[in-house]
C-alpha atoms as a PDB file:
ATOM      1  CA  MET A   1      42.126 -51.541  -9.092  1.00  0.00           C
ATOM      2  CA  ALA A   2      42.453 -51.252  -5.331  1.00  0.00           C
ATOM      3  CA  LYS A   3      41.693 -47.551  -5.558  1.00  0.00           C
ATOM      4  CA  THR A   4      38.527 -48.248  -7.610  1.00  0.00           C
ATOM      5  CA  SER A   5      37.314 -50.908  -5.215  1.00  0.00           C
ATOM      6  CA  PHE A   6      37.716 -48.400  -2.399  1.00  0.00           C
ATOM      7  CA  LEU A   7      35.830 -45.580  -4.152  1.00  0.00           C
ATOM      8  CA  LEU A   8      32.778 -47.619  -5.111  1.00  0.00           C
ATOM      9  CA  PRO A   9      31.585 -48.449  -1.592  1.00  0.00           C
ATOM     10  CA  LEU A  10      32.440 -44.884  -0.547  1.00  0.00           C
ATOM     11  CA  MET A  11      30.121 -43.513  -3.229  1.00  0.00           C
ATOM     12  CA  PHE A  12      27.312 -45.781  -2.039  1.00  0.00           C
ATOM     13  CA  LEU A  13      27.955 -44.682   1.524  1.00  0.00           C
ATOM     14  CA  LEU A  14      27.724 -40.989   0.600  1.00  0.00           C
ATOM     15  CA  LEU A  15      24.577 -41.589  -1.458  1.00  0.00           C
ATOM     16  CA  PHE A  16      22.941 -43.416   1.423  1.00  0.00           C
ATOM     17  CA  ALA A  17      23.952 -40.655   3.832  1.00  0.00           C
ATOM     18  CA  ASN A  18      22.419 -37.950   1.606  1.00  0.00           C
ATOM     19  CA  TYR A  19      19.217 -39.944   1.149  1.00  0.00           C
ATOM     20  CA  GLY A  20      19.028 -40.498   4.876  1.00  0.00           C
ATOM     21  CA  ALA A  21      19.462 -36.788   5.518  1.00  0.00           C
ATOM     22  CA  ILE A  22      16.692 -35.897   3.056  1.00  0.00           C
ATOM     23  CA  PHE A  23      14.396 -38.518   4.553  1.00  0.00           C
ATOM     24  CA  SER A  24      15.165 -37.194   8.021  1.00  0.00           C
ATOM     25  CA  VAL A  25      14.315 -33.592   7.020  1.00  0.00           C
ATOM     26  CA  ASN A  26      11.022 -34.621   5.363  1.00  0.00           C
ATOM     27  CA  SER A  27      10.131 -36.807   8.338  1.00  0.00           C
ATOM     28  CA  SER A  28      10.902 -33.951  10.712  1.00  0.00           C
ATOM     29  CA  ASN A  29       8.712 -31.569   8.712  1.00  0.00           C
ATOM     30  CA  ALA A  30       5.864 -34.086   8.652  1.00  0.00           C
ATOM     31  CA  THR A  31       6.245 -34.446  12.403  1.00  0.00           C
ATOM     32  CA  THR A  32       5.958 -30.660  12.729  1.00  0.00           C
ATOM     33  CA  ASP A  33       2.677 -30.748  10.822  1.00  0.00           C
ATOM     34  CA  GLN A  34       1.383 -33.578  12.969  1.00  0.00           C
ATOM     35  CA  SER A  35       2.323 -31.765  16.183  1.00  0.00           C
ATOM     36  CA  ALA A  36       0.574 -28.585  15.021  1.00  0.00           C
ATOM     37  CA  LEU A  37      -2.638 -30.455  14.218  1.00  0.00           C
ATOM     38  CA  LEU A  38      -2.589 -32.390  17.491  1.00  0.00           C
ATOM     39  CA  GLU A  39      -2.265 -29.046  19.247  1.00  0.00           C
ATOM     40  CA  LEU A  40      -5.347 -27.850  17.353  1.00  0.00           C
ATOM     41  CA  LYS A  41      -7.148 -31.027  18.419  1.00  0.00           C
ATOM     42  CA  SER A  42      -6.326 -30.298  22.058  1.00  0.00           C
ATOM     43  CA  HIS A  43      -7.804 -26.781  21.688  1.00  0.00           C
ATOM     44  CA  ILE A  44     -11.161 -28.097  20.440  1.00  0.00           C
ATOM     45  CA  SER A  45     -13.414 -28.413  23.474  1.00  0.00           C
ATOM     46  CA  HIS A  46     -16.512 -29.684  21.679  1.00  0.00           C
ATOM     47  CA  ASP A  47     -16.401 -32.406  19.010  1.00  0.00           C
ATOM     48  CA  PRO A  48     -20.021 -33.645  18.939  1.00  0.00           C
ATOM     49  CA  TYR A  49     -19.443 -36.361  16.351  1.00  0.00           C
ATOM     50  CA  ASN A  50     -16.070 -37.515  17.740  1.00  0.00           C
ATOM     51  CA  LEU A  51     -14.526 -36.876  14.338  1.00  0.00           C
ATOM     52  CA  LEU A  52     -11.101 -35.914  15.629  1.00  0.00           C
ATOM     53  CA  ALA A  53     -11.167 -38.142  18.688  1.00  0.00           C
ATOM     54  CA  THR A  54     -11.443 -41.284  16.579  1.00  0.00           C
ATOM     55  CA  ASN A  55      -9.433 -40.267  13.509  1.00  0.00           C
ATOM     56  CA  TRP A  56      -6.665 -37.825  14.380  1.00  0.00           C
ATOM     57  CA  SER A  57      -4.279 -40.404  15.815  1.00  0.00           C
ATOM     58  CA  THR A  58      -0.517 -40.890  15.651  1.00  0.00           C
ATOM     59  CA  SER A  59      -1.164 -44.440  14.453  1.00  0.00           C
ATOM     60  CA  ILE A  60      -2.507 -43.032  11.160  1.00  0.00           C
ATOM     61  CA  SER A  61      -0.594 -40.965   8.609  1.00  0.00           C
ATOM     62  CA  VAL A  62      -1.481 -37.308   9.027  1.00  0.00           C
ATOM     63  CA  CYS A  63      -2.386 -37.103   5.318  1.00  0.00           C
ATOM     64  CA  ASP A  64      -5.162 -39.642   5.986  1.00  0.00           C
ATOM     65  CA  TRP A  65      -6.766 -37.667   8.797  1.00  0.00           C
ATOM     66  CA  ILE A  66     -10.276 -36.348   8.212  1.00  0.00           C
ATOM     67  CA  GLY A  67     -10.259 -32.827   6.800  1.00  0.00           C
ATOM     68  CA  ILE A  68      -6.608 -33.056   5.744  1.00  0.00           C
ATOM     69  CA  THR A  69      -5.152 -33.027   2.249  1.00  0.00           C
ATOM     70  CA  GLY A  70      -1.464 -33.849   1.907  1.00  0.00           C
ATOM     71  CA  GLY A  71       0.991 -33.217  -0.896  1.00  0.00           C
ATOM     72  CA  SER A  72       1.910 -36.293  -2.942  1.00  0.00           C
ATOM     73  CA  ARG A  73       5.579 -35.349  -3.137  1.00  0.00           C
ATOM     74  CA  HIS A  74       6.544 -34.022   0.284  1.00  0.00           C
ATOM     75  CA  HIS A  75       3.655 -35.526   2.293  1.00  0.00           C
ATOM     76  CA  ARG A  76       3.088 -32.156   3.924  1.00  0.00           C
ATOM     77  CA  VAL A  77      -0.322 -30.757   4.827  1.00  0.00           C
ATOM     78  CA  THR A  78      -1.566 -28.557   1.965  1.00  0.00           C
ATOM     79  CA  ALA A  79      -5.252 -28.123   2.905  1.00  0.00           C
ATOM     80  CA  LEU A  80      -7.180 -28.098   6.169  1.00  0.00           C
ATOM     81  CA  ASN A  81     -10.975 -28.187   5.883  1.00  0.00           C
ATOM     82  CA  LEU A  82     -12.963 -28.453   9.119  1.00  0.00           C
ATOM     83  CA  SER A  83     -16.033 -26.586   7.878  1.00  0.00           C
ATOM     84  CA  SER A  84     -19.518 -27.384   9.220  1.00  0.00           C
ATOM     85  CA  MET A  85     -18.349 -29.838  11.897  1.00  0.00           C
ATOM     86  CA  ASP A  86     -19.893 -27.984  14.873  1.00  0.00           C
ATOM     87  CA  PHE A  87     -16.561 -27.615  16.630  1.00  0.00           C
ATOM     88  CA  ARG A  88     -16.012 -25.269  19.557  1.00  0.00           C
ATOM     89  CA  GLY A  89     -12.644 -24.129  20.755  1.00  0.00           C
ATOM     90  CA  THR A  90      -9.753 -21.798  20.078  1.00  0.00           C
ATOM     91  CA  ILE A  91      -7.068 -21.582  17.418  1.00  0.00           C
ATOM     92  CA  PRO A  92      -3.509 -22.363  18.596  1.00  0.00           C
ATOM     93  CA  SER A  93      -0.467 -20.462  17.364  1.00  0.00           C
ATOM     94  CA  GLN A  94       1.106 -23.725  16.158  1.00  0.00           C
ATOM     95  CA  LEU A  95      -1.068 -23.627  13.004  1.00  0.00           C
ATOM     96  CA  GLY A  96       1.361 -21.004  11.757  1.00  0.00           C
ATOM     97  CA  SER A  97       3.977 -23.765  11.350  1.00  0.00           C
ATOM     98  CA  LEU A  98       2.001 -25.543   8.581  1.00  0.00           C
ATOM     99  CA  SER A  99       4.356 -24.033   6.037  1.00  0.00           C
ATOM    100  CA  PHE A 100       2.907 -25.894   3.009  1.00  0.00           C
ATOM    101  CA  LEU A 101      -0.711 -24.967   3.796  1.00  0.00           C
ATOM    102  CA  ALA A 102      -2.481 -23.475   0.761  1.00  0.00           C
ATOM    103  CA  SER A 103      -6.139 -23.722   1.836  1.00  0.00           C
ATOM    104  CA  LEU A 104      -7.737 -23.185   5.251  1.00  0.00           C
ATOM    105  CA  ASP A 105     -11.507 -23.517   5.770  1.00  0.00           C
ATOM    106  CA  PHE A 106     -13.013 -23.251   9.281  1.00  0.00           C
ATOM    107  CA  ARG A 107     -16.419 -21.776   8.423  1.00  0.00           C
ATOM    108  CA  HIS A 108     -19.671 -22.721  10.183  1.00  0.00           C
ATOM    109  CA  ASN A 109     -18.126 -23.659  13.539  1.00  0.00           C
ATOM    110  CA  SER A 110     -17.962 -21.893  16.898  1.00  0.00           C
ATOM    111  CA  PHE A 111     -14.309 -21.016  17.377  1.00  0.00           C
ATOM    112  CA  HIS A 112     -13.741 -18.107  19.732  1.00  0.00           C
ATOM    113  CA  GLY A 113     -10.961 -15.972  21.141  1.00  0.00           C
ATOM    114  CA  SER A 114      -8.340 -14.056  19.207  1.00  0.00           C
ATOM    115  CA  LEU A 115      -6.620 -15.460  16.162  1.00  0.00           C
ATOM    116  CA  PRO A 116      -2.862 -16.003  16.499  1.00  0.00           C
ATOM    117  CA  THR A 117      -0.659 -13.590  14.592  1.00  0.00           C
ATOM    118  CA  GLU A 118       1.425 -16.601  13.514  1.00  0.00           C
ATOM    119  CA  LEU A 119      -1.169 -17.280  10.775  1.00  0.00           C
ATOM    120  CA  ALA A 120       0.494 -14.472   8.843  1.00  0.00           C
ATOM    121  CA  ASN A 121       3.483 -16.848   8.433  1.00  0.00           C
ATOM    122  CA  LEU A 122       1.471 -19.084   6.072  1.00  0.00           C
ATOM    123  CA  HIS A 123       3.079 -17.720   2.916  1.00  0.00           C
ATOM    124  CA  GLN A 124       1.698 -20.520   0.712  1.00  0.00           C
ATOM    125  CA  LEU A 125      -1.905 -19.768   1.721  1.00  0.00           C
ATOM    126  CA  LYS A 126      -4.137 -18.963  -1.262  1.00  0.00           C
ATOM    127  CA  TYR A 127      -7.635 -19.653   0.117  1.00  0.00           C
ATOM    128  CA  LEU A 128      -8.958 -18.601   3.514  1.00  0.00           C
ATOM    129  CA  ASN A 129     -12.471 -19.029   4.848  1.00  0.00           C
ATOM    130  CA  PHE A 130     -12.688 -18.366   8.562  1.00  0.00           C
ATOM    131  CA  GLY A 131     -15.122 -17.585  11.314  1.00  0.00           C
ATOM    132  CA  ARG A 132     -13.344 -14.347  12.171  1.00  0.00           C
ATOM    133  CA  VAL A 133     -11.430 -11.689  10.300  1.00  0.00           C
ATOM    134  CA  PRO A 134      -7.729 -12.539  10.661  1.00  0.00           C
ATOM    135  CA  SER A 135      -4.707 -10.680   9.346  1.00  0.00           C
ATOM    136  CA  PRO A 136      -3.960 -12.597   6.157  1.00  0.00           C
ATOM    137  CA  PRO A 137      -0.625 -13.305   4.461  1.00  0.00           C
ATOM    138  CA  PRO A 138       0.183 -10.968   1.532  1.00  0.00           C
ATOM    139  CA  SER A 139       0.107 -13.775  -1.050  1.00  0.00           C
ATOM    140  CA  LEU A 140      -3.603 -14.484  -0.504  1.00  0.00           C
ATOM    141  CA  GLN A 141      -5.704 -14.560  -3.693  1.00  0.00           C
ATOM    142  CA  LEU A 142      -9.189 -15.279  -2.314  1.00  0.00           C
ATOM    143  CA  TYR A 143     -10.412 -13.849   0.999  1.00  0.00           C
ATOM    144  CA  ASP A 144     -13.820 -15.222   1.980  1.00  0.00           C
ATOM    145  CA  VAL A 145     -15.248 -14.924   5.494  1.00  0.00           C
ATOM    146  CA  SER A 146     -18.849 -14.633   4.319  1.00  0.00           C
ATOM    147  CA  GLU A 147     -21.943 -15.848   6.185  1.00  0.00           C
ATOM    148  CA  ASN A 148     -20.485 -15.782   9.674  1.00  0.00           C
ATOM    149  CA  ASN A 149     -21.333 -13.569  12.635  1.00  0.00           C
ATOM    150  CA  LEU A 150     -18.312 -11.306  12.403  1.00  0.00           C
ATOM    151  CA  ALA A 151     -18.316  -7.917  14.101  1.00  0.00           C
ATOM    152  CA  GLY A 152     -15.904  -5.014  14.073  1.00  0.00           C
ATOM    153  CA  GLU A 153     -14.710  -2.727  11.309  1.00  0.00           C
ATOM    154  CA  PHE A 154     -13.253  -3.294   7.871  1.00  0.00           C
ATOM    155  CA  PRO A 155      -9.733  -4.611   8.571  1.00  0.00           C
ATOM    156  CA  ALA A 156      -7.239  -2.078   7.191  1.00  0.00           C
ATOM    157  CA  SER A 157      -4.694  -4.899   6.793  1.00  0.00           C
ATOM    158  CA  LEU A 158      -6.750  -6.205   3.857  1.00  0.00           C
ATOM    159  CA  CYS A 159      -5.649  -3.217   1.795  1.00  0.00           C
ATOM    160  CA  ASN A 160      -2.106  -4.651   1.706  1.00  0.00           C
ATOM    161  CA  LEU A 161      -3.075  -7.804  -0.209  1.00  0.00           C
ATOM    162  CA  SER A 162      -1.385  -7.211  -3.543  1.00  0.00           C
ATOM    163  CA  ALA A 163      -2.404 -10.549  -5.118  1.00  0.00           C
ATOM    164  CA  LEU A 164      -6.077 -10.571  -4.066  1.00  0.00           C
ATOM    165  CA  SER A 165      -8.680 -11.321  -6.756  1.00  0.00           C
ATOM    166  CA  VAL A 166     -11.824 -11.867  -4.613  1.00  0.00           C
ATOM    167  CA  LEU A 167     -12.853 -10.057  -1.402  1.00  0.00           C
ATOM    168  CA  ASN A 168     -16.022 -11.491   0.147  1.00  0.00           C
ATOM    169  CA  LEU A 169     -17.273 -10.241   3.538  1.00  0.00           C
ATOM    170  CA  ASN A 170     -21.002 -10.581   2.871  1.00  0.00           C
ATOM    171  CA  ASN A 171     -23.641 -11.525   5.472  1.00  0.00           C
ATOM    172  CA  ASN A 172     -21.847 -10.503   8.646  1.00  0.00           C
ATOM    173  CA  SER A 173     -22.261  -7.721  11.219  1.00  0.00           C
ATOM    174  CA  LEU A 174     -19.272  -5.637  10.194  1.00  0.00           C
ATOM    175  CA  GLY A 175     -19.619  -1.897  10.664  1.00  0.00           C
ATOM    176  CA  GLY A 176     -17.768   1.378  10.423  1.00  0.00           C
ATOM    177  CA  THR A 177     -16.875   3.024   7.152  1.00  0.00           C
ATOM    178  CA  ILE A 178     -15.390   1.476   4.049  1.00  0.00           C
ATOM    179  CA  PRO A 179     -11.813   2.859   4.147  1.00  0.00           C
ATOM    180  CA  LYS A 180     -10.306   4.881   1.319  1.00  0.00           C
ATOM    181  CA  CYS A 181      -7.439   2.392   1.164  1.00  0.00           C
ATOM    182  CA  ILE A 182      -9.778  -0.044  -0.583  1.00  0.00           C
ATOM    183  CA  GLY A 183      -8.595   1.653  -3.763  1.00  0.00           C
ATOM    184  CA  ASN A 184      -5.047   0.437  -3.033  1.00  0.00           C
ATOM    185  CA  PHE A 185      -5.817  -3.074  -4.236  1.00  0.00           C
ATOM    186  CA  SER A 186      -3.944  -4.004  -7.374  1.00  0.00           C
ATOM    187  CA  SER A 187      -5.541  -4.567 -10.761  1.00  0.00           C
ATOM    188  CA  SER A 188      -5.846  -8.266  -9.869  1.00  0.00           C
ATOM    189  CA  LEU A 189      -8.957  -7.541  -7.751  1.00  0.00           C
ATOM    190  CA  LEU A 190     -12.016  -8.654  -9.734  1.00  0.00           C
ATOM    191  CA  GLU A 191     -14.793  -8.950  -7.131  1.00  0.00           C
ATOM    192  CA  ILE A 192     -15.847  -7.089  -3.963  1.00  0.00           C
ATOM    193  CA  ASP A 193     -18.866  -8.334  -2.006  1.00  0.00           C
ATOM    194  CA  LEU A 194     -19.718  -6.396   1.187  1.00  0.00           C
ATOM    195  CA  ARG A 195     -23.501  -6.854   1.128  1.00  0.00           C
ATOM    196  CA  ASN A 196     -25.645  -7.451   4.208  1.00  0.00           C
ATOM    197  CA  ASN A 197     -23.441  -5.744   6.773  1.00  0.00           C
ATOM    198  CA  ASN A 198     -23.662  -2.508   8.774  1.00  0.00           C
ATOM    199  CA  PHE A 199     -21.202  -0.328   6.886  1.00  0.00           C
ATOM    200  CA  HIS A 200     -22.083   3.348   6.972  1.00  0.00           C
ATOM    201  CA  GLY A 201     -20.768   6.581   5.537  1.00  0.00           C
ATOM    202  CA  PRO A 202     -20.071   7.384   1.891  1.00  0.00           C
ATOM    203  CA  ILE A 203     -18.855   5.095  -0.853  1.00  0.00           C
ATOM    204  CA  PRO A 204     -15.112   5.822  -1.207  1.00  0.00           C
ATOM    205  CA  CYS A 205     -14.235   7.557  -4.472  1.00  0.00           C
ATOM    206  CA  SER A 206     -11.073   5.441  -4.513  1.00  0.00           C
ATOM    207  CA  LEU A 207     -13.150   2.475  -5.713  1.00  0.00           C
ATOM    208  CA  GLY A 208     -12.951   4.093  -9.134  1.00  0.00           C
ATOM    209  CA  GLU A 209      -9.237   3.263  -9.216  1.00  0.00           C
ATOM    210  CA  LEU A 210      -9.913  -0.492  -9.390  1.00  0.00           C
ATOM    211  CA  SER A 211      -9.893  -0.474 -13.165  1.00  0.00           C
ATOM    212  CA  GLU A 212     -10.238  -4.261 -13.616  1.00  0.00           C
ATOM    213  CA  LEU A 213     -13.107  -4.729 -11.156  1.00  0.00           C
ATOM    214  CA  GLU A 214     -15.922  -6.881 -12.598  1.00  0.00           C
ATOM    215  CA  SER A 215     -18.373  -7.126  -9.670  1.00  0.00           C
ATOM    216  CA  LEU A 216     -19.181  -4.696  -6.831  1.00  0.00           C
ATOM    217  CA  ASP A 217     -21.974  -5.446  -4.337  1.00  0.00           C
ATOM    218  CA  LEU A 218     -22.504  -2.980  -1.473  1.00  0.00           C
ATOM    219  CA  SER A 219     -26.226  -3.630  -1.032  1.00  0.00           C
ATOM    220  CA  SER A 220     -28.093  -3.848   2.298  1.00  0.00           C
ATOM    221  CA  ASN A 221     -25.818  -1.603   4.355  1.00  0.00           C
ATOM    222  CA  ASN A 222     -26.254   1.879   5.836  1.00  0.00           C
ATOM    223  CA  LEU A 223     -24.235   3.760   3.250  1.00  0.00           C
ATOM    224  CA  HIS A 224     -25.241   7.346   2.530  1.00  0.00           C
ATOM    225  CA  GLY A 225     -24.184  10.308   0.416  1.00  0.00           C
ATOM    226  CA  ARG A 226     -23.874  10.667  -3.330  1.00  0.00           C
ATOM    227  CA  ILE A 227     -22.841   7.844  -5.598  1.00  0.00           C
ATOM    228  CA  PRO A 228     -19.305   8.845  -6.650  1.00  0.00           C
ATOM    229  CA  THR A 229     -18.870   9.744 -10.316  1.00  0.00           C
ATOM    230  CA  GLU A 230     -15.524   7.925 -10.236  1.00  0.00           C
ATOM    231  CA  LEU A 231     -17.393   4.630 -10.644  1.00  0.00           C
ATOM    232  CA  LYS A 232     -17.638   5.443 -14.345  1.00  0.00           C
ATOM    233  CA  ASN A 233     -13.949   4.484 -14.566  1.00  0.00           C
ATOM    234  CA  LEU A 234     -14.814   0.843 -13.869  1.00  0.00           C
ATOM    235  CA  GLY A 235     -14.943  -0.126 -17.512  1.00  0.00           C
ATOM    236  CA  PHE A 236     -15.044  -3.886 -16.906  1.00  0.00           C
ATOM    237  CA  LEU A 237     -17.757  -3.791 -14.256  1.00  0.00           C
ATOM    238  CA  ALA A 238     -20.534  -6.262 -15.115  1.00  0.00           C
ATOM    239  CA  VAL A 239     -22.343  -6.353 -11.746  1.00  0.00           C
ATOM    240  CA  LEU A 240     -23.114  -3.331  -9.558  1.00  0.00           C
ATOM    241  CA  ASN A 241     -25.555  -3.540  -6.638  1.00  0.00           C
ATOM    242  CA  LEU A 242     -26.019  -0.497  -4.375  1.00  0.00           C
ATOM    243  CA  SER A 243     -29.608  -1.221  -3.340  1.00  0.00           C
ATOM    244  CA  GLN A 244     -31.040  -0.867   0.178  1.00  0.00           C
ATOM    245  CA  ASN A 245     -28.795   1.977   1.245  1.00  0.00           C
ATOM    246  CA  ASN A 246     -29.429   5.713   1.683  1.00  0.00           C
ATOM    247  CA  LEU A 247     -27.571   6.876  -1.399  1.00  0.00           C
ATOM    248  CA  THR A 248     -28.442   9.786  -3.655  1.00  0.00           C
ATOM    249  CA  GLY A 249     -27.610  10.584  -7.251  1.00  0.00           C
ATOM    250  CA  HIS A 250     -27.447   8.345 -10.288  1.00  0.00           C
ATOM    251  CA  ILE A 251     -25.251   5.628 -11.667  1.00  0.00           C
ATOM    252  CA  PRO A 252     -22.545   7.538 -13.543  1.00  0.00           C
ATOM    253  CA  GLN A 253     -22.978   7.618 -17.300  1.00  0.00           C
ATOM    254  CA  GLY A 254     -20.572   5.605 -19.353  1.00  0.00           C
ATOM    255  CA  LYS A 255     -21.515   2.236 -17.904  1.00  0.00           C
ATOM    256  CA  GLN A 256     -24.765   0.334 -18.330  1.00  0.00           C
ATOM    257  CA  PHE A 257     -25.893  -2.253 -15.744  1.00  0.00           C
END
């Protein structure tokens, strides 16, 4: 009986210790998220509506901050949406520590400077809508940086996104040629929208390798040359728009649009 009376409080002690350790880890992770977001706040030089100044405070749970969605189980930041808030500033590297982040939306603001390479550490990220063209994590499923004022060339790093289903770069000022590696996307890619940019050169024949593609819009660019016959391989294509370019030839037979 003495042995039993000794073991019972010991079991409670061990249980309490384990619970305390778990609580400590979760609290530490939540603190990491809070620190990363406060660092972002400090990098925003223009907050015309005082949205962050009055709401992003350590006296409030980070999951209750404006633009933040937190997970119900771990209380970690899962979504960050600061779109259309007229912010100006730069993006700190600490955002790469938001390890539970699945959605990031910064469109329609005036962020400037280079994007930190640490954003590639966001392995849970599934949705990205940014004001610049960053190097995305390989698990990304939707890549949308449309309707910004982005310049530069088609980022070759996009060709490494094996899980991508939607690629949307429309209404920017991107130029250069569409790289041949665009045909490297897996069969999961269903939509490509590159309209209203400054892409030039021929349409890559490798697009014909995207056998599951359902929508392809390359309109309003400076593309030239013949329409590749390989497009006839796109058996699931329901939307094809090549208008307002300098292309020659005909839509390959075998597919009606």
